[in-house]
Amino acid sequence: MALVFPGIFFLFGMIGRLELTSNAYLLSFLVLAAIGYYIPNLILARIIEVRQRDLFENFPDAIDLMTICVEAG
């Protein structure tokens, strides 16, 4: 992702013939690379948080069901 975002920007910049200074291109590449580097970590952290909350909320119900099954034989 850190290479995809700047690559897409470069392609659209060449197709659209953007006239930016070299400093603006460099800044945009660095910002897009940083965004592409951190977005997967943020998405994964959010998925982990949701799954942990789901397990935490449903664990007592699972324990109750296992207890009932064990007592029933």
C-alpha atoms as a PDB file:
ATOM      1  CA  MET A   1       0.000   0.000   0.000  1.00  0.00           C
ATOM      2  CA  ALA A   2       2.901   2.326   0.690  1.00  0.00           C
ATOM      3  CA  LEU A   3       3.894   2.021  -2.961  1.00  0.00           C
ATOM      4  CA  VAL A   4       0.412   1.746  -4.457  1.00  0.00           C
ATOM      5  CA  PHE A   5      -0.915   5.161  -3.389  1.00  0.00           C
ATOM      6  CA  PRO A   6       2.086   7.133  -4.690  1.00  0.00           C
ATOM      7  CA  GLY A   7       2.058   5.022  -7.863  1.00  0.00           C
ATOM      8  CA  ILE A   8      -1.583   5.810  -8.533  1.00  0.00           C
ATOM      9  CA  PHE A   9      -0.902   9.487  -7.872  1.00  0.00           C
ATOM     10  CA  PHE A  10       2.016   9.400 -10.276  1.00  0.00           C
ATOM     11  CA  LEU A  11      -0.092   7.755 -13.010  1.00  0.00           C
ATOM     12  CA  PHE A  12      -2.954  10.200 -12.625  1.00  0.00           C
ATOM     13  CA  GLY A  13      -0.489  13.059 -12.420  1.00  0.00           C
ATOM     14  CA  MET A  14       1.057  12.056 -15.729  1.00  0.00           C
ATOM     15  CA  ILE A  15      -2.305  11.430 -17.404  1.00  0.00           C
ATOM     16  CA  GLY A  16      -3.831  14.644 -16.088  1.00  0.00           C
ATOM     17  CA  ARG A  17      -0.628  16.573 -16.702  1.00  0.00           C
ATOM     18  CA  LEU A  18      -0.513  18.086 -13.242  1.00  0.00           C
ATOM     19  CA  GLU A  19       1.904  20.958 -13.075  1.00  0.00           C
ATOM     20  CA  LEU A  20       3.276  20.818  -9.563  1.00  0.00           C
ATOM     21  CA  THR A  21       6.672  21.821  -8.342  1.00  0.00           C
ATOM     22  CA  SER A  22       9.161  19.128  -7.447  1.00  0.00           C
ATOM     23  CA  ASN A  23       8.685  19.924  -3.754  1.00  0.00           C
ATOM     24  CA  ALA A  24       4.922  19.464  -4.082  1.00  0.00           C
ATOM     25  CA  TYR A  25       5.413  16.104  -5.836  1.00  0.00           C
ATOM     26  CA  LEU A  26       7.865  14.964  -3.174  1.00  0.00           C
ATOM     27  CA  LEU A  27       5.588  16.059  -0.355  1.00  0.00           C
ATOM     28  CA  SER A  28       2.581  14.348  -1.911  1.00  0.00           C
ATOM     29  CA  PHE A  29       4.558  11.130  -2.458  1.00  0.00           C
ATOM     30  CA  LEU A  30       5.755  11.112   1.141  1.00  0.00           C
ATOM     31  CA  VAL A  31       2.294  11.825   2.545  1.00  0.00           C
ATOM     32  CA  LEU A  32       0.667   9.153   0.383  1.00  0.00           C
ATOM     33  CA  ALA A  33       3.384   6.639   1.264  1.00  0.00           C
ATOM     34  CA  ALA A  34       2.884   7.338   4.971  1.00  0.00           C
ATOM     35  CA  ILE A  35      -0.883   6.932   4.624  1.00  0.00           C
ATOM     36  CA  GLY A  36      -0.416   3.680   2.707  1.00  0.00           C
ATOM     37  CA  TYR A  37       1.992   2.442   5.367  1.00  0.00           C
ATOM     38  CA  TYR A  38      -0.305   3.094   8.336  1.00  0.00           C
ATOM     39  CA  ILE A  39      -3.780   2.297   6.923  1.00  0.00           C
ATOM     40  CA  PRO A  40      -3.379  -1.534   7.005  1.00  0.00           C
ATOM     41  CA  ASN A  41      -2.303  -1.365  10.656  1.00  0.00           C
ATOM     42  CA  LEU A  42      -5.301   0.784  11.565  1.00  0.00           C
ATOM     43  CA  ILE A  43      -7.730  -1.501   9.751  1.00  0.00           C
ATOM     44  CA  LEU A  44      -6.252  -4.600  11.373  1.00  0.00           C
ATOM     45  CA  ALA A  45      -6.359  -3.008  14.828  1.00  0.00           C
ATOM     46  CA  ARG A  46     -10.044  -2.179  14.329  1.00  0.00           C
ATOM     47  CA  ILE A  47     -10.858  -5.734  13.221  1.00  0.00           C
ATOM     48  CA  ILE A  48      -9.008  -7.133  16.252  1.00  0.00           C
ATOM     49  CA  GLU A  49     -10.864  -4.781  18.586  1.00  0.00           C
ATOM     50  CA  VAL A  50     -14.272  -5.777  17.200  1.00  0.00           C
ATOM     51  CA  ARG A  51     -13.479  -9.500  17.387  1.00  0.00           C
ATOM     52  CA  GLN A  52     -12.169  -9.263  20.954  1.00  0.00           C
ATOM     53  CA  ARG A  53     -15.268  -7.346  22.039  1.00  0.00           C
ATOM     54  CA  ASP A  54     -17.504  -9.931  20.379  1.00  0.00           C
ATOM     55  CA  LEU A  55     -15.719 -12.791  22.157  1.00  0.00           C
ATOM     56  CA  PHE A  56     -15.825 -10.963  25.473  1.00  0.00           C
ATOM     57  CA  GLU A  57     -19.574 -10.331  25.185  1.00  0.00           C
ATOM     58  CA  ASN A  58     -20.483 -13.871  24.069  1.00  0.00           C
ATOM     59  CA  PHE A  59     -18.148 -15.886  26.300  1.00  0.00           C
ATOM     60  CA  PRO A  60     -20.533 -16.116  29.304  1.00  0.00           C
ATOM     61  CA  ASP A  61     -23.271 -17.513  27.062  1.00  0.00           C
ATOM     62  CA  ALA A  62     -20.914 -20.160  25.711  1.00  0.00           C
ATOM     63  CA  ILE A  63     -19.888 -21.169  29.252  1.00  0.00           C
ATOM     64  CA  ASP A  64     -23.557 -21.489  30.261  1.00  0.00           C
ATOM     65  CA  LEU A  65     -24.318 -23.686  27.253  1.00  0.00           C
ATOM     66  CA  MET A  66     -21.313 -25.923  27.950  1.00  0.00           C
ATOM     67  CA  THR A  67     -22.374 -26.248  31.607  1.00  0.00           C
ATOM     68  CA  ILE A  68     -25.898 -27.275  30.608  1.00  0.00           C
ATOM     69  CA  CYS A  69     -24.563 -29.838  28.139  1.00  0.00           C
ATOM     70  CA  VAL A  70     -22.169 -31.333  30.685  1.00  0.00           C
ATOM     71  CA  GLU A  71     -24.853 -31.547  33.361  1.00  0.00           C
ATOM     72  CA  ALA A  72     -27.292 -33.161  30.933  1.00  0.00           C
ATOM     73  CA  GLY A  73     -24.783 -35.908  30.289  1.00  0.00           C
END
